[in-house]
Each structure stands twice: as C-alpha cells, then as structure tokens.
C-alpha cells in the first residue's frame, strides 16, 4: 500500500480537527470470529497515519488478552475496526465494559456492528441493539448529513452519494443516539431488511464514556477517501475527549 496518498490525506485534515494530547493513545482491535474484510490493513494504516499527523499514538492488535482493566487503562479510545463474531470472553467483556463506563472511548467501524451479538452491553454501545441484520449487494446510495454541526460530518454536503455495503440493523438506534448520517432507502435497493428510517452513523454517551459508530468502511477504496478520513479522524478525537 502506498503511504504517500495517506500522508496527503492526513495533511488535508490537519487543520480541520483539534490535535490530541501527548497521552492520547488509541488501540485498533481487528479480531474476527466470522467474515474477515480484506480492507482491514488499509484501515489500520489510515488510523496510524492520522495518529502520526495529529499527535496520538496508535497500536493495532488482534490479541483479546489485552482486554484487562490495567491493559485498557492506557488508551483513550479503542476502535473495533471491522471486527466480526465473538471476539471477547466473559472476563474481557467485563474489563471493556468497565473501561467505557468509567470514561473510555469506543469507535465502531462497519462490521463492528456484526460483533458480539449476545452481549447486552455491546448492544448498548451500538445504540439500543443496532446489530447487523442483513445487507444487499454493494451499491451507491444517497446519504443525508443530519448533523451539520458535529465535526465528523460538518465537512459533508447536506446530501451526497457514497458506495459501500449498507447494513440493515436489527433495531433502529434513533432516540437513543444522536444521528450523524442517514441513508435514503429510495436511492438504492435495501433488500428485504429495509428499515424505512435508516441511520447509518451516530454517536452517544455510555456512562462516563463515549461511543461513535459509522457503517462506512467495508471497501478498500473507502480508506483512500479524504472526506471519510476526516469523518473517522474526528470520530476518534471525539470519542477520546474526557467528559467532565
């Protein structure tokens, strides 16, 4: 993978979001118990490049044994980047729940919603059980930026076309979360799981912590999109901001 285009992306977003502090550390977790996306390495590289440009340290792992209270305490944000299936045991789940409720940040990318389907707290992170249900074929669709004040979507136009693998969710998180982007189901074939009202990116608080999720991120090409880089960057920075 070429690093120069990614460095250009980081420079492009440098003036668009606040820099992180020196103790801002991010853990990118990519363990999969089901389908594995071939875009994972590209996603890790993008987060690493953004970290280098914005002053936060990035580590990537698939080792779930690092999910202990002590191990997680050094990170401001844990990113579930295209995780799938069951990835944490009961003890690791308890450590991660304590981490978030006590002020840690969580960022979920794409198939993070197809992870830990039987863990109630993870459903809370997703926003009232908004796990993956189904998806049609990859296709372009029209997205609406519902929140034009949040920095992770302020750079998007009010309506724009994007190509990705669009999830239908088991539950609609609206009402439990603040919706950033929604998808216009009239603009594509949503399949048998069509939701009608269809949020596709959102954020909310969980205890003292913060949770931010985007469905964008299936395709390899997505991680070369500068607007997506800004979307993800500010999601990370927002999730890592300590609540007062």
Protein backbone atom coordinates (compact mmCIF):
# COMPACT_ATOMS: atom_id res chain seq x y z
CA UNK A 1 0.00 0.00 0.00
CA UNK A 2 1.26 3.48 -0.85
CA UNK A 3 1.81 5.72 2.17
CA UNK A 4 2.18 8.99 0.26
CA UNK A 5 -1.55 9.33 -0.58
CA UNK A 6 -2.43 8.61 3.04
CA UNK A 7 0.04 11.24 4.23
CA UNK A 8 -1.64 13.69 1.89
CA UNK A 9 -4.98 12.81 3.49
CA UNK A 10 -3.60 13.47 6.94
CA UNK A 11 -2.26 16.86 5.87
CA UNK A 12 -5.63 17.69 4.32
CA UNK A 13 -7.45 17.10 7.59
CA UNK A 14 -4.75 18.59 9.81
CA UNK A 15 -6.47 21.97 10.07
CA UNK A 16 -9.96 20.52 10.39
CA UNK A 17 -9.85 18.95 13.86
CA UNK A 18 -8.10 19.64 17.15
CA UNK A 19 -4.82 17.91 17.87
CA UNK A 20 -4.75 15.20 20.51
CA UNK A 21 -2.66 15.46 23.65
CA UNK A 22 0.60 13.56 24.04
CA UNK A 23 -1.02 10.92 26.27
CA UNK A 24 -3.74 10.20 23.72
CA UNK A 25 -3.32 6.52 22.80
CA UNK A 26 -5.57 4.51 20.52
CA UNK A 27 -5.93 0.74 20.28
CA UNK A 28 -7.18 -0.62 16.95
CA UNK A 29 -8.78 -4.02 17.53
CA UNK A 30 -9.29 -6.18 14.42
CA UNK A 31 -10.05 -9.68 15.69
CA UNK A 32 -12.60 -11.58 13.60
CA UNK A 33 -14.68 -14.59 14.51
CA UNK A 34 -16.63 -14.52 11.25
CA UNK A 35 -16.18 -12.81 7.89
CA UNK A 36 -12.83 -11.05 7.51
CA UNK A 37 -12.60 -7.88 5.46
CA UNK A 38 -9.58 -7.53 3.19
CA UNK A 39 -9.71 -3.77 3.84
CA UNK A 40 -8.53 -4.19 7.46
CA UNK A 41 -4.83 -3.49 6.74
CA UNK A 42 -5.78 -0.34 4.82
CA UNK A 43 -7.96 0.78 7.74
CA UNK A 44 -5.14 0.25 10.24
CA UNK A 45 -2.74 2.19 8.02
CA UNK A 46 -5.15 5.12 7.78
CA UNK A 47 -5.57 5.34 11.57
CA UNK A 48 -1.80 5.14 12.02
CA UNK A 49 -1.27 7.93 9.52
CA UNK A 50 -3.90 10.11 11.15
CA UNK A 51 -2.30 9.47 14.53
CA UNK A 52 1.11 10.49 13.25
CA UNK A 53 -0.34 13.73 11.86
CA UNK A 54 -2.43 14.60 14.91
CA UNK A 55 -0.21 13.62 17.80
CA UNK A 56 -1.80 10.43 19.08
CA UNK A 57 -0.19 7.02 19.35
CA UNK A 58 -1.75 4.04 17.59
CA UNK A 59 -1.36 0.34 18.30
CA UNK A 60 -3.12 -2.43 16.40
CA UNK A 61 -3.87 -5.88 17.77
CA UNK A 62 -5.99 -9.00 17.42
CA UNK A 63 -4.95 -10.21 20.86
CA UNK A 64 -8.04 -10.15 23.07
CA UNK A 65 -5.94 -10.96 26.14
CA UNK A 66 -5.02 -7.27 26.20
CA UNK A 67 -8.57 -6.51 27.32
CA UNK A 68 -7.91 -6.24 31.03
CA UNK A 69 -8.62 -3.26 33.26
CA UNK A 70 -4.93 -2.48 33.53
CA UNK A 71 -4.26 -3.10 29.85
CA UNK A 72 -7.07 -0.85 28.62
CA UNK A 73 -6.40 1.95 31.09
CA UNK A 74 -3.61 3.43 28.96
CA UNK A 75 -5.88 4.04 25.95
CA UNK A 76 -8.21 6.94 25.35
CA UNK A 77 -10.02 5.13 22.53
CA UNK A 78 -10.48 1.53 21.43
CA UNK A 79 -11.51 1.12 17.79
CA UNK A 80 -13.34 -2.03 16.72
CA UNK A 81 -12.26 -1.94 13.08
CA UNK A 82 -14.25 -4.46 11.04
CA UNK A 83 -14.40 -6.96 13.88
CA UNK A 84 -16.90 -9.80 13.47
CA UNK A 85 -18.35 -12.57 15.60
CA UNK A 86 -17.46 -13.34 19.19
CA UNK A 87 -14.12 -11.75 19.99
CA UNK A 88 -14.00 -11.38 23.80
CA UNK A 89 -14.56 -13.85 26.62
CA UNK A 90 -16.59 -13.00 29.73
CA UNK A 91 -13.65 -11.58 31.68
CA UNK A 92 -12.51 -9.47 28.75
CA UNK A 93 -16.05 -8.20 28.25
CA UNK A 94 -16.25 -7.13 31.89
CA UNK A 95 -12.96 -5.24 31.60
CA UNK A 96 -14.07 -3.45 28.46
CA UNK A 97 -17.46 -2.51 29.89
CA UNK A 98 -15.75 -1.02 32.96
CA UNK A 99 -13.33 0.84 30.68
CA UNK A 100 -16.14 2.53 28.73
CA UNK A 101 -18.42 3.24 31.66
CA UNK A 102 -15.52 4.87 33.51
CA UNK A 103 -14.66 7.24 30.67
CA UNK A 104 -13.05 5.28 27.83
CA UNK A 105 -13.95 5.90 24.20
CA UNK A 106 -15.23 3.37 21.66
CA UNK A 107 -15.27 3.77 17.88
CA UNK A 108 -17.03 1.15 15.78
CA UNK A 109 -16.29 0.85 12.07
CA UNK A 110 -18.61 -1.01 9.70
CA UNK A 111 -18.77 -4.67 10.81
CA UNK A 112 -18.19 -3.68 14.41
CA UNK A 113 -21.99 -3.92 14.26
CA UNK A 114 -21.66 -7.61 13.36
CA UNK A 115 -19.81 -8.38 16.59
CA UNK A 116 -20.78 -9.82 19.99
CA UNK A 117 -24.47 -10.33 19.16
CA UNK A 118 -25.21 -11.95 22.52
CA UNK A 119 -23.56 -9.37 24.77
CA UNK A 120 -26.14 -6.87 26.09
CA UNK A 121 -23.60 -4.15 26.88
CA UNK A 122 -22.30 -4.25 23.33
CA UNK A 123 -25.86 -3.69 22.15
CA UNK A 124 -25.90 -0.62 24.38
CA UNK A 125 -22.70 0.62 22.75
CA UNK A 126 -24.30 0.21 19.34
CA UNK A 127 -27.37 2.14 20.45
CA UNK A 128 -30.31 0.06 21.61
CA UNK A 129 -29.21 -3.19 19.94
CA UNK A 130 -28.41 -1.90 16.45
CA UNK A 131 -26.57 -5.04 15.41
CA UNK A 132 -26.15 -6.10 11.80
CA UNK A 133 -29.17 -7.91 10.35
CA UNK A 134 -28.58 -8.12 6.60
CA UNK A 135 -27.19 -6.25 3.63
CA UNK A 136 -27.87 -6.06 -0.10
CA UNK A 137 -25.11 -6.01 -2.70
CA UNK A 138 -22.56 -3.20 -2.62
CA UNK A 139 -24.03 -0.18 -4.37
CA UNK A 140 -24.16 3.60 -4.40
CA UNK A 141 -26.76 5.31 -2.24
CA UNK A 142 -27.65 8.83 -1.18
CA UNK A 143 -26.65 9.80 2.35
CA UNK A 144 -28.06 12.75 4.29
CA UNK A 145 -25.91 14.61 6.78
CA UNK A 146 -28.42 15.08 9.58
CA UNK A 147 -25.95 16.75 11.93
CA UNK A 148 -24.02 19.54 10.23
CA UNK A 149 -22.52 20.86 13.47
CA UNK A 150 -20.60 17.78 14.62
CA UNK A 151 -17.06 17.95 13.23
CA UNK A 152 -17.21 14.36 11.99
CA UNK A 153 -19.93 15.30 9.48
CA UNK A 154 -19.73 19.09 9.12
CA UNK A 155 -17.46 18.72 6.08
CA UNK A 156 -20.03 16.65 4.17
CA UNK A 157 -22.66 18.28 1.97
CA UNK A 158 -26.27 18.02 3.10
CA UNK A 159 -26.79 15.17 0.64
CA UNK A 160 -24.18 13.11 -1.20
CA UNK A 161 -23.65 9.79 -2.95
CA UNK A 162 -21.43 7.09 -1.47
CA UNK A 163 -20.74 3.48 -2.42
CA UNK A 164 -20.47 0.89 0.34
CA UNK A 165 -22.04 -2.23 1.82
CA UNK A 166 -25.12 -0.85 3.54
CA UNK A 167 -26.27 -2.64 6.67
CA UNK A 168 -29.84 -3.13 7.72
CA UNK A 169 -29.83 -3.19 11.52
CA UNK A 170 -31.78 -5.33 13.97
CA UNK A 171 -33.00 -2.20 15.73
CA UNK A 172 -33.21 1.47 14.85
CA UNK A 173 -30.97 3.38 17.28
CA UNK A 174 -32.70 6.72 16.73
CA UNK A 175 -33.94 8.09 20.03
CA UNK A 176 -31.04 6.53 21.94
CA UNK A 177 -28.27 8.15 19.92
CA UNK A 178 -27.53 11.35 18.01
CA UNK A 179 -27.69 10.54 14.31
CA UNK A 180 -24.91 11.89 12.11
CA UNK A 181 -25.75 10.32 8.74
CA UNK A 182 -28.87 8.60 7.44
CA UNK A 183 -29.38 6.75 4.18
CA UNK A 184 -32.18 7.43 1.71
CA UNK A 185 -33.66 4.00 1.02
CA UNK A 186 -35.34 5.32 -2.13
CA UNK A 187 -31.88 5.80 -3.65
CA UNK A 188 -30.84 2.12 -3.61
CA UNK A 189 -32.16 -1.42 -3.16
CA UNK A 190 -32.13 -2.03 0.60
CA UNK A 191 -33.38 -5.61 0.23
CA UNK A 192 -35.77 -7.50 2.48
CA UNK A 193 -34.43 -5.87 5.64
CA UNK A 194 -35.31 -2.31 4.62
CA UNK A 195 -35.75 -0.11 7.67
CA UNK A 196 -37.51 2.99 6.30
CA UNK A 197 -35.91 5.43 8.72
CA UNK A 198 -32.30 4.31 8.38
CA UNK A 199 -29.47 5.91 10.43
CA UNK A 200 -26.03 4.91 9.19
CA UNK A 201 -23.64 6.80 11.53
CA UNK A 202 -24.22 8.10 15.05
CA UNK A 203 -22.77 8.88 18.48
CA UNK A 204 -23.83 8.91 22.13
CA UNK A 205 -22.58 8.72 25.70
CA UNK A 206 -22.37 5.49 27.70
CA UNK A 207 -21.78 6.11 31.39
CA UNK A 208 -18.78 8.42 31.54
CA UNK A 209 -17.57 7.16 28.15
CA UNK A 210 -18.36 7.96 24.54
CA UNK A 211 -19.38 5.74 21.64
CA UNK A 212 -19.20 6.66 17.93
CA UNK A 213 -20.18 4.34 15.08
CA UNK A 214 -20.10 4.52 11.28
CA UNK A 215 -21.31 1.90 8.83
CA UNK A 216 -18.93 3.27 6.21
CA UNK A 217 -15.76 1.21 5.87
CA UNK A 218 -16.34 -2.07 4.01
CA UNK A 219 -14.49 -1.25 0.82
CA UNK A 220 -10.72 -0.98 0.40
CA UNK A 221 -11.27 2.25 -1.56
CA UNK A 222 -13.11 3.94 1.30
CA UNK A 223 -9.87 4.34 3.26
CA UNK A 224 -8.44 6.45 0.44
CA UNK A 225 -11.30 8.96 0.56
CA UNK A 226 -10.22 12.24 2.25
CA UNK A 227 -13.77 13.03 3.38
CA UNK A 228 -14.01 9.64 5.04
CA UNK A 229 -10.61 10.22 6.67
CA UNK A 230 -12.00 13.41 8.22
CA UNK A 231 -15.15 11.56 9.32
CA UNK A 232 -13.14 8.84 11.06
CA UNK A 233 -10.50 11.16 12.49
CA UNK A 234 -12.97 13.37 14.30
CA UNK A 235 -14.91 10.34 15.47
CA UNK A 236 -11.73 9.12 17.16
CA UNK A 237 -10.92 12.52 18.66
CA UNK A 238 -14.50 13.00 19.89
CA UNK A 239 -14.62 9.54 21.48
CA UNK A 240 -11.36 10.22 23.28
CA UNK A 241 -12.46 13.51 24.82
CA UNK A 242 -12.99 13.03 28.54
CA UNK A 243 -16.42 14.02 29.81
CA UNK A 244 -16.47 16.48 32.70
